[in-house]
C-alpha atoms as a PDB file:
ATOM      1  CA  MET A   1       7.713 -28.371 -16.877  1.00  0.00           C
ATOM      2  CA  SER A   2       7.015 -24.971 -18.427  1.00  0.00           C
ATOM      3  CA  GLN A   3       3.467 -23.690 -18.311  1.00  0.00           C
ATOM      4  CA  PRO A   4       1.951 -22.452 -21.585  1.00  0.00           C
ATOM      5  CA  GLU A   5       1.108 -18.765 -21.498  1.00  0.00           C
ATOM      6  CA  PRO A   6      -2.600 -17.959 -21.665  1.00  0.00           C
ATOM      7  CA  PRO A   7      -3.829 -16.825 -25.118  1.00  0.00           C
ATOM      8  CA  ILE A   8      -4.219 -13.181 -24.092  1.00  0.00           C
ATOM      9  CA  GLN A   9      -1.827 -10.301 -23.896  1.00  0.00           C
ATOM     10  CA  PRO A  10      -0.383  -9.509 -20.462  1.00  0.00           C
ATOM     11  CA  GLY A  11      -2.596  -7.009 -18.675  1.00  0.00           C
ATOM     12  CA  SER A  12      -5.378  -7.209 -21.281  1.00  0.00           C
ATOM     13  CA  LEU A  13      -8.175  -8.346 -18.939  1.00  0.00           C
ATOM     14  CA  THR A  14     -10.752  -5.680 -18.246  1.00  0.00           C
ATOM     15  CA  GLU A  15     -12.372  -5.253 -14.843  1.00  0.00           C
ATOM     16  CA  GLU A  16     -15.374  -7.113 -16.180  1.00  0.00           C
ATOM     17  CA  GLY A  17     -13.191  -9.890 -17.496  1.00  0.00           C
ATOM     18  CA  GLN A  18     -11.405 -10.189 -14.169  1.00  0.00           C
ATOM     19  CA  GLN A  19     -14.700 -10.433 -12.252  1.00  0.00           C
ATOM     20  CA  GLU A  20     -16.054 -12.996 -14.678  1.00  0.00           C
ATOM     21  CA  LEU A  21     -12.956 -15.215 -14.203  1.00  0.00           C
ATOM     22  CA  ILE A  22     -13.076 -14.755 -10.425  1.00  0.00           C
ATOM     23  CA  GLN A  23     -16.725 -15.891 -10.361  1.00  0.00           C
ATOM     24  CA  GLN A  24     -15.957 -18.850 -12.661  1.00  0.00           C
ATOM     25  CA  ILE A  25     -13.195 -19.962 -10.269  1.00  0.00           C
ATOM     26  CA  GLY A  26     -15.609 -19.598  -7.343  1.00  0.00           C
ATOM     27  CA  ARG A  27     -18.219 -21.768  -9.041  1.00  0.00           C
ATOM     28  CA  VAL A  28     -15.702 -24.537  -9.664  1.00  0.00           C
ATOM     29  CA  ILE A  29     -14.483 -24.397  -6.039  1.00  0.00           C
ATOM     30  CA  VAL A  30     -18.038 -24.598  -4.668  1.00  0.00           C
ATOM     31  CA  GLN A  31     -18.721 -27.716  -6.786  1.00  0.00           C
ATOM     32  CA  MET A  32     -15.903 -29.583  -5.037  1.00  0.00           C
ATOM     33  CA  LEU A  33     -17.015 -28.722  -1.489  1.00  0.00           C
ATOM     34  CA  PRO A  34     -18.827 -31.330   0.587  1.00  0.00           C
ATOM     35  CA  PRO A  35     -22.427 -30.891   1.722  1.00  0.00           C
ATOM     36  CA  GLY A  36     -22.836 -28.672   4.761  1.00  0.00           C
ATOM     37  CA  TRP A  37     -19.635 -26.711   4.215  1.00  0.00           C
ATOM     38  CA  GLN A  38     -19.446 -23.249   5.866  1.00  0.00           C
ATOM     39  CA  GLU A  39     -16.034 -21.760   5.055  1.00  0.00           C
ATOM     40  CA  ALA A  40     -13.318 -22.749   2.575  1.00  0.00           C
ATOM     41  CA  SER A  41     -10.228 -21.187   1.040  1.00  0.00           C
ATOM     42  CA  VAL A  42      -7.966 -21.828  -1.925  1.00  0.00           C
ATOM     43  CA  GLU A  43      -4.531 -20.303  -2.304  1.00  0.00           C
ATOM     44  CA  TYR A  44      -2.775 -20.131  -5.660  1.00  0.00           C
ATOM     45  CA  ARG A  45       0.952 -19.343  -5.776  1.00  0.00           C
ATOM     46  CA  ALA A  46       2.955 -18.770  -8.945  1.00  0.00           C
ATOM     47  CA  VAL A  47       6.287 -17.415 -10.097  1.00  0.00           C
ATOM     48  CA  GLY A  48       7.869 -18.042 -13.490  1.00  0.00           C
ATOM     49  CA  SER A  49       6.489 -21.463 -14.513  1.00  0.00           C
ATOM     50  CA  HIS A  50       6.267 -22.655 -10.887  1.00  0.00           C
ATOM     51  CA  ARG A  51       2.690 -23.273  -9.712  1.00  0.00           C
ATOM     52  CA  GLU A  52       1.188 -24.289  -6.386  1.00  0.00           C
ATOM     53  CA  LEU A  53      -2.409 -24.803  -5.297  1.00  0.00           C
ATOM     54  CA  ALA A  54      -3.638 -25.436  -1.738  1.00  0.00           C
ATOM     55  CA  ALA A  55      -7.183 -25.702  -0.425  1.00  0.00           C
ATOM     56  CA  GLN A  56      -8.726 -26.175   2.973  1.00  0.00           C
ATOM     57  CA  LEU A  57     -12.150 -26.422   4.541  1.00  0.00           C
ATOM     58  CA  GLN A  58     -13.061 -25.047   7.966  1.00  0.00           C
ATOM     59  CA  ALA A  59     -15.135 -27.553   9.902  1.00  0.00           C
ATOM     60  CA  PRO A  60     -17.944 -26.337  12.218  1.00  0.00           C
ATOM     61  CA  ASN A  61     -15.651 -26.827  15.216  1.00  0.00           C
ATOM     62  CA  GLY A  62     -12.989 -24.570  13.606  1.00  0.00           C
ATOM     63  CA  THR A  63     -10.689 -27.412  12.506  1.00  0.00           C
ATOM     64  CA  LEU A  64      -8.984 -26.833   9.148  1.00  0.00           C
ATOM     65  CA  VAL A  65      -9.325 -29.799   6.827  1.00  0.00           C
ATOM     66  CA  PRO A  66      -6.987 -29.970   3.741  1.00  0.00           C
ATOM     67  CA  LEU A  67      -8.725 -30.494   0.448  1.00  0.00           C
ATOM     68  CA  THR A  68      -7.546 -31.482  -3.004  1.00  0.00           C
ATOM     69  CA  PRO A  69      -8.217 -28.426  -5.210  1.00  0.00           C
ATOM     70  CA  PRO A  70      -9.790 -29.050  -8.613  1.00  0.00           C
ATOM     71  CA  ALA A  71      -7.061 -29.053 -11.300  1.00  0.00           C
ATOM     72  CA  GLU A  72      -9.194 -27.015 -13.713  1.00  0.00           C
ATOM     73  CA  ILE A  73      -8.892 -23.853 -11.655  1.00  0.00           C
ATOM     74  CA  GLU A  74      -5.097 -23.658 -12.146  1.00  0.00           C
ATOM     75  CA  PRO A  75      -5.237 -22.405 -15.743  1.00  0.00           C
ATOM     76  CA  MET A  76      -8.055 -20.050 -14.741  1.00  0.00           C
ATOM     77  CA  PHE A  77      -5.929 -18.523 -12.005  1.00  0.00           C
ATOM     78  CA  ASP A  78      -3.039 -18.396 -14.469  1.00  0.00           C
ATOM     79  CA  GLU A  79      -5.134 -16.512 -17.016  1.00  0.00           C
ATOM     80  CA  LEU A  80      -6.266 -14.096 -14.333  1.00  0.00           C
ATOM     81  CA  ARG A  81      -2.660 -13.464 -13.173  1.00  0.00           C
ATOM     82  CA  HIS A  82      -1.490 -12.989 -16.767  1.00  0.00           C
ATOM     83  CA  GLY A  83      -4.341 -10.640 -17.582  1.00  0.00           C
ATOM     84  CA  MET A  84      -3.902  -8.497 -14.466  1.00  0.00           C
ATOM     85  CA  HIS A  85      -0.263  -7.582 -15.271  1.00  0.00           C
ATOM     86  CA  GLN A  86       0.345  -3.835 -14.937  1.00  0.00           C
ATOM     87  CA  PRO A  87       3.267  -2.074 -16.688  1.00  0.00           C
ATOM     88  CA  GLU A  88       5.981  -1.099 -14.232  1.00  0.00           C
ATOM     89  CA  ARG A  89       4.289  -3.103 -11.425  1.00  0.00           C
ATOM     90  CA  GLY A  90       4.274  -6.665 -12.769  1.00  0.00           C
ATOM     91  CA  THR A  91       1.549  -8.986 -11.559  1.00  0.00           C
ATOM     92  CA  TRP A  92       0.518 -10.707  -8.372  1.00  0.00           C
ATOM     93  CA  ILE A  93       2.330 -13.800  -7.122  1.00  0.00           C
ATOM     94  CA  SER A  94      -0.286 -15.320  -4.845  1.00  0.00           C
ATOM     95  CA  ALA A  95      -4.070 -15.130  -4.524  1.00  0.00           C
ATOM     96  CA  LEU A  96      -6.180 -16.217  -1.567  1.00  0.00           C
ATOM     97  CA  TYR A  97      -9.775 -17.055  -2.506  1.00  0.00           C
ATOM     98  CA  GLN A  98     -12.046 -17.307   0.560  1.00  0.00           C
ATOM     99  CA  LEU A  99     -15.673 -18.431   0.510  1.00  0.00           C
ATOM    100  CA  GLN A 100     -18.382 -18.383   3.139  1.00  0.00           C
ATOM    101  CA  ARG A 101     -21.734 -20.017   2.905  1.00  0.00           C
ATOM    102  CA  PRO A 102     -24.152 -19.201   1.427  1.00  0.00           C
ATOM    103  CA  GLY A 103     -22.647 -16.905  -1.199  1.00  0.00           C
ATOM    104  CA  SER A 104     -19.981 -14.627   0.248  1.00  0.00           C
ATOM    105  CA  TYR A 105     -16.471 -14.569  -1.166  1.00  0.00           C
ATOM    106  CA  SER A 106     -13.313 -12.450  -1.211  1.00  0.00           C
ATOM    107  CA  VAL A 107     -10.057 -12.628  -3.170  1.00  0.00           C
ATOM    108  CA  ASP A 108      -6.808 -11.093  -1.912  1.00  0.00           C
ATOM    109  CA  PHE A 109      -4.036 -10.631  -4.483  1.00  0.00           C
ATOM    110  CA  ASN A 110      -0.434 -10.297  -3.261  1.00  0.00           C
ATOM    111  CA  GLY A 111       2.341  -9.021  -5.472  1.00  0.00           C
ATOM    112  CA  ASP A 112       4.638  -7.597  -2.789  1.00  0.00           C
ATOM    113  CA  TYR A 113       5.328 -10.327  -0.220  1.00  0.00           C
ATOM    114  CA  GLU A 114       6.794 -13.768  -0.620  1.00  0.00           C
ATOM    115  CA  PRO A 115       4.216 -16.515  -0.241  1.00  0.00           C
ATOM    116  CA  SER A 116       4.764 -19.544   1.981  1.00  0.00           C
ATOM    117  CA  TRP A 117       5.935 -21.888  -0.756  1.00  0.00           C
ATOM    118  CA  ARG A 118       5.375 -25.608  -0.470  1.00  0.00           C
ATOM    119  CA  GLY A 119       8.678 -25.957  -2.319  1.00  0.00           C
ATOM    120  CA  VAL A 120      10.793 -22.855  -2.911  1.00  0.00           C
ATOM    121  CA  PRO A 121      11.180 -22.238  -6.687  1.00  0.00           C
ATOM    122  CA  THR A 122      14.594 -22.007  -8.284  1.00  0.00           C
ATOM    123  CA  THR A 123      16.434 -18.767  -8.998  1.00  0.00           C
ATOM    124  CA  ALA A 124      15.628 -19.262 -12.681  1.00  0.00           C
ATOM    125  CA  GLU A 125      11.897 -19.138 -11.946  1.00  0.00           C
ATOM    126  CA  PHE A 126      12.167 -15.808 -10.145  1.00  0.00           C
ATOM    127  CA  ASP A 127      14.326 -14.453 -12.932  1.00  0.00           C
ATOM    128  CA  ALA A 128      11.731 -15.645 -15.485  1.00  0.00           C
ATOM    129  CA  GLU A 129       9.008 -13.890 -13.512  1.00  0.00           C
ATOM    130  CA  LEU A 130      10.720 -10.545 -13.918  1.00  0.00           C
ATOM    131  CA  HIS A 131      11.323 -11.264 -17.588  1.00  0.00           C
ATOM    132  CA  HIS A 132       7.713 -12.162 -18.388  1.00  0.00           C
ATOM    133  CA  TYR A 133       6.130  -9.595 -16.042  1.00  0.00           C
ATOM    134  CA  PRO A 134       8.645  -6.742 -15.843  1.00  0.00           C
ATOM    135  CA  ARG A 135       8.603  -4.306 -12.942  1.00  0.00           C
ATOM    136  CA  ALA A 136      10.200  -0.932 -12.463  1.00  0.00           C
ATOM    137  CA  GLU A 137      13.203  -1.274 -10.199  1.00  0.00           C
ATOM    138  CA  HIS A 138      11.495   0.554  -7.318  1.00  0.00           C
ATOM    139  CA  ASN A 139       8.595  -1.950  -7.540  1.00  0.00           C
ATOM    140  CA  ILE A 140      10.786  -5.046  -7.127  1.00  0.00           C
ATOM    141  CA  PRO A 141      10.604  -6.135  -3.474  1.00  0.00           C
ATOM    142  CA  GLY A 142      13.940  -6.922  -1.860  1.00  0.00           C
ATOM    143  CA  TRP A 143      13.076 -10.607  -1.414  1.00  0.00           C
ATOM    144  CA  LEU A 144      12.163 -10.987  -5.123  1.00  0.00           C
ATOM    145  CA  ALA A 145      15.364  -9.293  -6.256  1.00  0.00           C
ATOM    146  CA  GLU A 146      17.361 -11.576  -3.957  1.00  0.00           C
ATOM    147  CA  ARG A 147      15.562 -14.717  -5.135  1.00  0.00           C
ATOM    148  CA  ALA A 148      16.186 -13.690  -8.750  1.00  0.00           C
ATOM    149  CA  GLY A 149      19.857 -13.128  -8.116  1.00  0.00           C
ATOM    150  CA  LEU A 150      19.708  -9.371  -8.643  1.00  0.00           C
ATOM    151  CA  PRO A 151      21.740  -6.904  -6.592  1.00  0.00           C
ATOM    152  CA  THR A 152      19.578  -5.517  -3.786  1.00  0.00           C
ATOM    153  CA  SER A 153      19.755  -1.912  -2.664  1.00  0.00           C
ATOM    154  CA  ASP A 154      20.100  -1.057   0.964  1.00  0.00           C
ATOM    155  CA  VAL A 155      16.982   0.340   2.617  1.00  0.00           C
ATOM    156  CA  GLY A 156      19.208   3.152   3.930  1.00  0.00           C
ATOM    157  CA  ASN A 157      19.525   4.717   7.332  1.00  0.00           C
ATOM    158  CA  ALA A 158      15.844   5.355   7.893  1.00  0.00           C
ATOM    159  CA  ASP A 159      14.917   4.939  11.548  1.00  0.00           C
ATOM    160  CA  VAL A 160      12.029   2.656  12.425  1.00  0.00           C
ATOM    161  CA  THR A 161      11.348   4.859  15.408  1.00  0.00           C
ATOM    162  CA  GLU A 162      10.093   7.481  12.933  1.00  0.00           C
ATOM    163  CA  LEU A 163       6.989   5.313  12.470  1.00  0.00           C
ATOM    164  CA  ARG A 164       4.498   5.884  15.291  1.00  0.00           C
ATOM    165  CA  LYS A 165       2.715   2.811  16.585  1.00  0.00           C
ATOM    166  CA  ALA A 166      -0.961   3.057  17.615  1.00  0.00           C
ATOM    167  CA  GLU A 167      -2.410   0.916  20.394  1.00  0.00           C
ATOM    168  CA  VAL A 168      -5.930  -0.514  20.256  1.00  0.00           C
ATOM    169  CA  PHE A 169      -6.726   0.207  23.910  1.00  0.00           C
ATOM    170  CA  ASP A 170      -5.201   2.279  26.709  1.00  0.00           C
ATOM    171  CA  GLY A 171      -5.315  -0.499  29.273  1.00  0.00           C
ATOM    172  CA  ALA A 172      -7.818  -2.541  31.264  1.00  0.00           C
ATOM    173  CA  ASP A 173     -10.265  -1.896  34.118  1.00  0.00           C
ATOM    174  CA  GLY A 174     -10.366  -3.737  37.402  1.00  0.00           C
ATOM    175  CA  ALA A 175     -12.276  -6.612  35.853  1.00  0.00           C
ATOM    176  CA  GLY A 176      -9.728  -6.945  33.056  1.00  0.00           C
ATOM    177  CA  ARG A 177     -11.980  -5.450  30.405  1.00  0.00           C
ATOM    178  CA  PRO A 178     -10.146  -3.265  27.862  1.00  0.00           C
ATOM    179  CA  VAL A 179     -10.689   0.520  28.100  1.00  0.00           C
ATOM    180  CA  ALA A 180      -9.861   3.472  25.905  1.00  0.00           C
ATOM    181  CA  ASP A 181     -10.266   6.905  27.486  1.00  0.00           C
ATOM    182  CA  ARG A 182     -10.282   9.011  24.326  1.00  0.00           C
ATOM    183  CA  PRO A 183     -12.510  11.724  22.751  1.00  0.00           C
ATOM    184  CA  VAL A 184     -15.460  10.330  20.822  1.00  0.00           C
ATOM    185  CA  VAL A 185     -15.448  11.110  17.076  1.00  0.00           C
ATOM    186  CA  GLY A 186     -18.616  12.303  15.373  1.00  0.00           C
ATOM    187  CA  PRO A 187     -20.645  10.051  12.998  1.00  0.00           C
ATOM    188  CA  GLN A 188     -19.502  11.643   9.709  1.00  0.00           C
ATOM    189  CA  GLU A 189     -15.858  11.866  10.768  1.00  0.00           C
ATOM    190  CA  ARG A 190     -16.080   8.335  12.154  1.00  0.00           C
ATOM    191  CA  ALA A 191     -16.947   6.946   8.708  1.00  0.00           C
ATOM    192  CA  GLN A 192     -14.037   8.825   7.106  1.00  0.00           C
ATOM    193  CA  ILE A 193     -11.574   7.641   9.781  1.00  0.00           C
ATOM    194  CA  ILE A 194     -12.730   4.019   9.410  1.00  0.00           C
ATOM    195  CA  GLU A 195     -12.219   4.236   5.633  1.00  0.00           C
ATOM    196  CA  TYR A 196      -8.737   5.699   6.111  1.00  0.00           C
ATOM    197  CA  LEU A 197      -7.762   3.014   8.640  1.00  0.00           C
ATOM    198  CA  GLU A 198      -9.005   0.167   6.471  1.00  0.00           C
ATOM    199  CA  ARG A 199      -7.794   1.483   3.117  1.00  0.00           C
ATOM    200  CA  ALA A 200      -4.183   2.112   4.235  1.00  0.00           C
ATOM    201  CA  PRO A 201      -1.830  -0.598   2.890  1.00  0.00           C
ATOM    202  CA  ILE A 202      -1.676  -3.850   4.851  1.00  0.00           C
ATOM    203  CA  VAL A 203       1.999  -4.711   5.490  1.00  0.00           C
ATOM    204  CA  LEU A 204       1.533  -7.777   7.635  1.00  0.00           C
ATOM    205  CA  ALA A 205      -1.380 -10.206   7.916  1.00  0.00           C
ATOM    206  CA  ALA A 206      -2.353 -13.544   9.367  1.00  0.00           C
ATOM    207  CA  ARG A 207      -4.965 -15.806   7.803  1.00  0.00           C
ATOM    208  CA  SER A 208      -6.927 -16.195  11.033  1.00  0.00           C
ATOM    209  CA  TYR A 209      -8.945 -13.780  13.179  1.00  0.00           C
ATOM    210  CA  ASP A 210      -8.709 -12.811  16.811  1.00  0.00           C
ATOM    211  CA  THR A 211     -11.389 -12.856  19.496  1.00  0.00           C
ATOM    212  CA  ASP A 212     -13.360  -9.656  20.023  1.00  0.00           C
ATOM    213  CA  GLN A 213     -12.220  -8.530  23.503  1.00  0.00           C
ATOM    214  CA  LEU A 214     -15.427  -6.551  23.999  1.00  0.00           C
ATOM    215  CA  ASP A 215     -17.670  -9.377  22.835  1.00  0.00           C
ATOM    216  CA  PRO A 216     -15.696 -12.579  23.624  1.00  0.00           C
ATOM    217  CA  GLU A 217     -18.686 -14.886  23.048  1.00  0.00           C
ATOM    218  CA  ALA A 218     -18.911 -13.845  19.368  1.00  0.00           C
ATOM    219  CA  ALA A 219     -17.112 -15.684  16.599  1.00  0.00           C
ATOM    220  CA  ALA A 220     -13.521 -14.571  16.123  1.00  0.00           C
ATOM    221  CA  SER A 221     -13.696 -11.658  13.693  1.00  0.00           C
ATOM    222  CA  VAL A 222     -10.954  -9.188  14.595  1.00  0.00           C
ATOM    223  CA  PRO A 223      -8.474  -8.927  11.710  1.00  0.00           C
ATOM    224  CA  LEU A 224      -4.904  -9.844  12.539  1.00  0.00           C
ATOM    225  CA  THR A 225      -3.361  -7.287  10.238  1.00  0.00           C
ATOM    226  CA  PHE A 226      -1.143  -4.234  10.439  1.00  0.00           C
ATOM    227  CA  HIS A 227      -1.503  -1.105   8.292  1.00  0.00           C
ATOM    228  CA  THR A 228       0.703   1.880   7.632  1.00  0.00           C
ATOM    229  CA  ASP A 229       0.352   5.254   5.922  1.00  0.00           C
ATOM    230  CA  GLY A 230       4.092   5.960   6.072  1.00  0.00           C
ATOM    231  CA  ASP A 231       3.867   7.888   9.344  1.00  0.00           C
ATOM    232  CA  TRP A 232       1.836   5.608  11.603  1.00  0.00           C
ATOM    233  CA  ILE A 233       1.459   1.841  12.033  1.00  0.00           C
ATOM    234  CA  TRP A 234      -1.737   0.420  13.499  1.00  0.00           C
ATOM    235  CA  PRO A 235      -3.321  -3.031  13.916  1.00  0.00           C
ATOM    236  CA  GLY A 236      -6.402  -3.770  11.850  1.00  0.00           C
ATOM    237  CA  ALA A 237      -8.147  -4.089  15.235  1.00  0.00           C
ATOM    238  CA  VAL A 238      -8.125  -0.241  15.504  1.00  0.00           C
ATOM    239  CA  GLY A 239     -10.526   0.095  12.609  1.00  0.00           C
ATOM    240  CA  TYR A 240     -12.528  -2.945  13.721  1.00  0.00           C
ATOM    241  CA  TYR A 241     -13.215  -1.650  17.233  1.00  0.00           C
ATOM    242  CA  LEU A 242     -14.110   1.801  15.907  1.00  0.00           C
ATOM    243  CA  ARG A 243     -16.555   0.271  13.415  1.00  0.00           C
ATOM    244  CA  ARG A 244     -17.971  -2.411  15.721  1.00  0.00           C
ATOM    245  CA  HIS A 245     -17.851  -0.822  19.180  1.00  0.00           C
ATOM    246  CA  ASN A 246     -17.184   2.894  18.477  1.00  0.00           C
ATOM    247  CA  VAL A 247     -13.815   2.746  20.264  1.00  0.00           C
ATOM    248  CA  PRO A 248     -11.913   5.862  19.073  1.00  0.00           C
ATOM    249  CA  PRO A 249      -8.307   5.483  17.906  1.00  0.00           C
ATOM    250  CA  GLU A 250      -5.512   7.314  19.790  1.00  0.00           C
ATOM    251  CA  THR A 251      -6.115  11.057  19.740  1.00  0.00           C
ATOM    252  CA  GLU A 252      -2.853  11.835  17.938  1.00  0.00           C
ATOM    253  CA  LEU A 253      -3.630   9.321  15.232  1.00  0.00           C
ATOM    254  CA  VAL A 254      -7.083  10.864  14.688  1.00  0.00           C
ATOM    255  CA  GLU A 255      -5.479  14.336  14.453  1.00  0.00           C
ATOM    256  CA  HIS A 256      -2.953  12.991  11.978  1.00  0.00           C
ATOM    257  CA  ILE A 257      -5.753  11.529   9.793  1.00  0.00           C
ATOM    258  CA  ARG A 258      -7.528  14.880   9.856  1.00  0.00           C
ATOM    259  CA  ARG A 259      -4.320  16.669   8.723  1.00  0.00           C
ATOM    260  CA  GLN A 260      -4.155  14.187   5.851  1.00  0.00           C
ATOM    261  CA  GLY A 261      -7.610  15.303   4.753  1.00  0.00           C
ATOM    262  CA  PHE A 262      -8.739  11.670   5.319  1.00  0.00           C
ATOM    263  CA  GLN A 263      -6.798  10.706   2.151  1.00  0.00           C
ATOM    264  CA  VAL A 264      -4.368   7.805   2.409  1.00  0.00           C
ATOM    265  CA  PRO A 265      -1.036   8.792   0.764  1.00  0.00           C
ATOM    266  CA  GLU A 266       1.025   6.604  -1.495  1.00  0.00           C
ATOM    267  CA  VAL A 267       3.295   4.340   0.585  1.00  0.00           C
ATOM    268  CA  GLY A 268       6.505   3.223  -1.117  1.00  0.00           C
ATOM    269  CA  GLU A 269       7.937  -0.292  -0.944  1.00  0.00           C
ATOM    270  CA  GLN A 270      10.877   0.690   1.267  1.00  0.00           C
ATOM    271  CA  THR A 271       8.528   2.330   3.778  1.00  0.00           C
ATOM    272  CA  ARG A 272       6.376  -0.780   3.804  1.00  0.00           C
ATOM    273  CA  GLU A 273       9.404  -2.997   4.457  1.00  0.00           C
ATOM    274  CA  LEU A 274      10.479  -0.590   7.201  1.00  0.00           C
ATOM    275  CA  ALA A 275       7.004  -0.879   8.774  1.00  0.00           C
ATOM    276  CA  VAL A 276       7.285  -4.679   8.801  1.00  0.00           C
ATOM    277  CA  SER A 277      10.696  -4.341  10.493  1.00  0.00           C
ATOM    278  CA  ALA A 278       9.191  -2.041  13.101  1.00  0.00           C
ATOM    279  CA  ILE A 279       6.360  -4.487  13.785  1.00  0.00           C
ATOM    280  CA  THR A 280       8.482  -7.606  13.973  1.00  0.00           C
ATOM    281  CA  GLY A 281      11.469  -5.978  15.656  1.00  0.00           C
ATOM    282  CA  GLU A 282      13.772  -7.126  12.868  1.00  0.00           C
ATOM    283  CA  HIS A 283      15.849  -4.003  12.709  1.00  0.00           C
ATOM    284  CA  GLY A 284      19.272  -3.132  13.793  1.00  0.00           C
ATOM    285  CA  GLY A 285      19.857  -1.955  17.291  1.00  0.00           C
END
């Protein structure tokens, strides 16, 4: 059944309007949560007129408990998606709303990577998505073009070996504790490097966190992500350990960031896809 379009023009939501809707959604989610909740998440997935909502609660022992999301947040998410459309770039296809007690929340919008559909939408839905929320050709991910039945362009002969991969540590000591024998970065430069590492586009991410290898008794908080700036690929753990434990990144990566003037460059879609291939090993040999 076709969803009615929200009564606003595509892309007409201001930053203030977006934040207001996001907070409204959060209030509705909190109202459905049971007493004593600590962490919860809701994921909204949409393409064309296809809609999916999924919610889960994290129990104190770490177990994930599925929840029935409140139906009233679906049109709110839909209005947000509609209002955040950008000319040439379209709009996001999935949003992950995460809440932590007592009042912390974050929302991650994804317009580049295919969500994990509960039921894969039809070709007509993907085609309708590009009709209602047009994108410039270079902003249409390969998977979306394929799903919509459009001809896909080859990524070309770019070599994944051109992307340098950074390691979090150099190895381990005799007790098995990770070590990194690298020059320490100064306080001011450290802040700039952390910002660069964390602001670079995320090309691959898990929804969970890893154990801190330098503080294994702490709650799992190391991001399971990968970033790229088009020249280097690094795990989100690189920025985490620099911020949390002052573990410097690889020297050559630090020098590269300095040469960039600590400014993350634009990273095109083909380069992002290439980075994913380099990480997962899904490239031709």
